[in-house]
């Protein structure tokens, strides 16, 4: 999956919390968010616009994160670990770097690897 495919899929699956997302899709989406935030804050010179952008991308980002957890066979409810400083963040980082599992209860392995 390429960067543009991941961004396009992120917007197409805006509120889709079912199915699976590959590592590439998740990390390309994270890079897109970072680049968009930096472009807006550096262009406009203040963080308010960047913060508003991140708020606008919150739901699609949450959807990609839940689908990524589904890809490794975890329930999307585990995303609440993000609310725990350090331990929750490290756990989520570890899970988001795991390879895709085979067919599981959330569906077949995505075609993009």
C-alpha atoms as a PDB file:
ATOM      1  CA  UNK A   1       0.000   0.000   0.000  1.00  0.00           C
ATOM      2  CA  UNK A   2       1.348   3.400  -0.952  1.00  0.00           C
ATOM      3  CA  UNK A   3       1.065   6.659   0.939  1.00  0.00           C
ATOM      4  CA  UNK A   4      -1.677   7.993  -1.346  1.00  0.00           C
ATOM      5  CA  UNK A   5      -3.654   4.747  -1.195  1.00  0.00           C
ATOM      6  CA  UNK A   6      -3.553   4.813   2.605  1.00  0.00           C
ATOM      7  CA  UNK A   7      -4.719   8.430   2.804  1.00  0.00           C
ATOM      8  CA  UNK A   8      -7.464   7.793   0.254  1.00  0.00           C
ATOM      9  CA  UNK A   9      -8.596   4.680   2.129  1.00  0.00           C
ATOM     10  CA  UNK A  10      -8.546   6.613   5.417  1.00  0.00           C
ATOM     11  CA  UNK A  11     -10.996   9.141   3.995  1.00  0.00           C
ATOM     12  CA  UNK A  12     -13.102   6.520   2.210  1.00  0.00           C
ATOM     13  CA  UNK A  13     -13.457   4.499   5.408  1.00  0.00           C
ATOM     14  CA  UNK A  14     -14.038   7.637   7.491  1.00  0.00           C
ATOM     15  CA  UNK A  15     -16.299   6.063  10.100  1.00  0.00           C
ATOM     16  CA  UNK A  16     -15.784   2.372   9.380  1.00  0.00           C
ATOM     17  CA  UNK A  17     -14.802   0.690  12.634  1.00  0.00           C
ATOM     18  CA  UNK A  18     -15.130  -2.831  11.247  1.00  0.00           C
ATOM     19  CA  UNK A  19     -12.705  -4.766   9.119  1.00  0.00           C
ATOM     20  CA  UNK A  20      -8.949  -4.645   9.196  1.00  0.00           C
ATOM     21  CA  UNK A  21      -6.133  -2.206   8.375  1.00  0.00           C
ATOM     22  CA  UNK A  22      -2.580  -3.249   7.584  1.00  0.00           C
ATOM     23  CA  UNK A  23       0.516  -1.865   9.253  1.00  0.00           C
ATOM     24  CA  UNK A  24       1.294   0.124   6.127  1.00  0.00           C
ATOM     25  CA  UNK A  25      -2.151   1.709   6.084  1.00  0.00           C
ATOM     26  CA  UNK A  26      -1.920   2.671   9.754  1.00  0.00           C
ATOM     27  CA  UNK A  27       1.589   4.122   9.590  1.00  0.00           C
ATOM     28  CA  UNK A  28       1.029   5.970   6.304  1.00  0.00           C
ATOM     29  CA  UNK A  29      -2.072   7.529   7.865  1.00  0.00           C
ATOM     30  CA  UNK A  30      -0.034   8.554  10.929  1.00  0.00           C
ATOM     31  CA  UNK A  31       2.591  10.142   8.648  1.00  0.00           C
ATOM     32  CA  UNK A  32      -0.150  11.990   6.758  1.00  0.00           C
ATOM     33  CA  UNK A  33      -1.482  13.424  10.017  1.00  0.00           C
ATOM     34  CA  UNK A  34       1.976  14.532  11.111  1.00  0.00           C
ATOM     35  CA  UNK A  35       2.767  16.138   7.752  1.00  0.00           C
ATOM     36  CA  UNK A  36      -0.597  17.919   7.581  1.00  0.00           C
ATOM     37  CA  UNK A  37      -0.215  19.202  11.152  1.00  0.00           C
ATOM     38  CA  UNK A  38       3.314  20.478  10.533  1.00  0.00           C
ATOM     39  CA  UNK A  39       2.371  22.073   7.214  1.00  0.00           C
ATOM     40  CA  UNK A  40      -0.525  23.981   8.740  1.00  0.00           C
ATOM     41  CA  UNK A  41       1.225  25.058  11.940  1.00  0.00           C
ATOM     42  CA  UNK A  42       4.405  26.130  10.120  1.00  0.00           C
ATOM     43  CA  UNK A  43       2.484  27.925   7.365  1.00  0.00           C
ATOM     44  CA  UNK A  44       0.114  29.795   9.656  1.00  0.00           C
ATOM     45  CA  UNK A  45       2.562  30.248  12.505  1.00  0.00           C
ATOM     46  CA  UNK A  46       0.283  29.123  15.327  1.00  0.00           C
ATOM     47  CA  UNK A  47      -0.965  25.820  16.673  1.00  0.00           C
ATOM     48  CA  UNK A  48      -4.701  26.520  16.759  1.00  0.00           C
ATOM     49  CA  UNK A  49      -5.226  25.614  13.095  1.00  0.00           C
ATOM     50  CA  UNK A  50      -3.160  22.452  13.523  1.00  0.00           C
ATOM     51  CA  UNK A  51      -5.142  21.482  16.587  1.00  0.00           C
ATOM     52  CA  UNK A  52      -8.402  22.003  14.703  1.00  0.00           C
ATOM     53  CA  UNK A  53      -7.056  19.807  11.903  1.00  0.00           C
ATOM     54  CA  UNK A  54      -6.208  17.030  14.359  1.00  0.00           C
ATOM     55  CA  UNK A  55      -9.693  17.300  15.846  1.00  0.00           C
ATOM     56  CA  UNK A  56     -11.182  17.015  12.350  1.00  0.00           C
ATOM     57  CA  UNK A  57      -9.051  13.895  11.731  1.00  0.00           C
ATOM     58  CA  UNK A  58      -9.839  12.339  15.132  1.00  0.00           C
ATOM     59  CA  UNK A  59     -12.678  10.063  13.985  1.00  0.00           C
ATOM     60  CA  UNK A  60     -10.919   8.692  10.878  1.00  0.00           C
ATOM     61  CA  UNK A  61      -7.758   8.203  12.928  1.00  0.00           C
ATOM     62  CA  UNK A  62      -9.655   6.338  15.604  1.00  0.00           C
ATOM     63  CA  UNK A  63     -11.272   4.184  12.891  1.00  0.00           C
ATOM     64  CA  UNK A  64      -7.874   3.310  11.371  1.00  0.00           C
ATOM     65  CA  UNK A  65      -6.530   2.498  14.850  1.00  0.00           C
ATOM     66  CA  UNK A  66      -9.462   0.213  15.649  1.00  0.00           C
ATOM     67  CA  UNK A  67      -9.139  -1.548  12.302  1.00  0.00           C
ATOM     68  CA  UNK A  68      -5.403  -1.987  12.961  1.00  0.00           C
ATOM     69  CA  UNK A  69      -6.182  -3.666  16.282  1.00  0.00           C
ATOM     70  CA  UNK A  70      -8.636  -5.926  14.453  1.00  0.00           C
ATOM     71  CA  UNK A  71      -5.839  -6.874  12.064  1.00  0.00           C
ATOM     72  CA  UNK A  72      -3.812  -8.396  14.892  1.00  0.00           C
ATOM     73  CA  UNK A  73      -6.868 -10.126  16.374  1.00  0.00           C
ATOM     74  CA  UNK A  74      -7.613  -7.652  19.176  1.00  0.00           C
ATOM     75  CA  UNK A  75     -10.914  -5.989  19.940  1.00  0.00           C
ATOM     76  CA  UNK A  76     -11.180  -2.323  19.016  1.00  0.00           C
ATOM     77  CA  UNK A  77     -12.068  -1.587  22.626  1.00  0.00           C
ATOM     78  CA  UNK A  78      -8.376  -1.862  23.471  1.00  0.00           C
ATOM     79  CA  UNK A  79      -7.943   1.584  21.890  1.00  0.00           C
ATOM     80  CA  UNK A  80      -8.866   3.084  25.274  1.00  0.00           C
ATOM     81  CA  UNK A  81      -5.347   2.149  26.385  1.00  0.00           C
ATOM     82  CA  UNK A  82      -4.262   5.338  24.620  1.00  0.00           C
ATOM     83  CA  UNK A  83      -5.709   7.179  27.597  1.00  0.00           C
ATOM     84  CA  UNK A  84      -3.072   5.654  29.910  1.00  0.00           C
ATOM     85  CA  UNK A  85       0.152   7.641  29.767  1.00  0.00           C
ATOM     86  CA  UNK A  86       3.353   5.741  28.974  1.00  0.00           C
ATOM     87  CA  UNK A  87       2.206   2.154  29.656  1.00  0.00           C
ATOM     88  CA  UNK A  88      -0.856   2.446  27.424  1.00  0.00           C
ATOM     89  CA  UNK A  89       1.079   4.287  24.718  1.00  0.00           C
ATOM     90  CA  UNK A  90       3.893   1.722  24.730  1.00  0.00           C
ATOM     91  CA  UNK A  91       1.407  -1.149  24.571  1.00  0.00           C
ATOM     92  CA  UNK A  92      -0.397   0.434  21.631  1.00  0.00           C
ATOM     93  CA  UNK A  93       2.915   1.140  19.893  1.00  0.00           C
ATOM     94  CA  UNK A  94       3.899  -2.514  20.298  1.00  0.00           C
ATOM     95  CA  UNK A  95       0.556  -3.765  18.973  1.00  0.00           C
ATOM     96  CA  UNK A  96       0.572  -1.349  16.021  1.00  0.00           C
ATOM     97  CA  UNK A  97       3.971  -2.692  14.940  1.00  0.00           C
ATOM     98  CA  UNK A  98       2.906  -6.364  14.983  1.00  0.00           C
ATOM     99  CA  UNK A  99       2.493  -8.152  11.646  1.00  0.00           C
ATOM    100  CA  UNK A 100      -0.957  -8.936  10.279  1.00  0.00           C
ATOM    101  CA  UNK A 101      -2.498 -12.141  11.481  1.00  0.00           C
ATOM    102  CA  UNK A 102      -4.155 -14.728   9.282  1.00  0.00           C
ATOM    103  CA  UNK A 103      -7.919 -14.906   8.895  1.00  0.00           C
ATOM    104  CA  UNK A 104      -9.531 -14.023  12.228  1.00  0.00           C
ATOM    105  CA  UNK A 105     -12.958 -13.085  13.626  1.00  0.00           C
ATOM    106  CA  UNK A 106     -12.671  -9.632  11.991  1.00  0.00           C
ATOM    107  CA  UNK A 107     -12.330 -11.008   8.474  1.00  0.00           C
ATOM    108  CA  UNK A 108      -9.695 -12.141   6.005  1.00  0.00           C
ATOM    109  CA  UNK A 109      -6.254 -10.599   5.780  1.00  0.00           C
ATOM    110  CA  UNK A 110      -6.419  -7.307   3.828  1.00  0.00           C
ATOM    111  CA  UNK A 111      -5.223  -7.496   0.237  1.00  0.00           C
ATOM    112  CA  UNK A 112      -2.750  -4.626   0.745  1.00  0.00           C
ATOM    113  CA  UNK A 113       0.407  -5.640   2.580  1.00  0.00           C
END
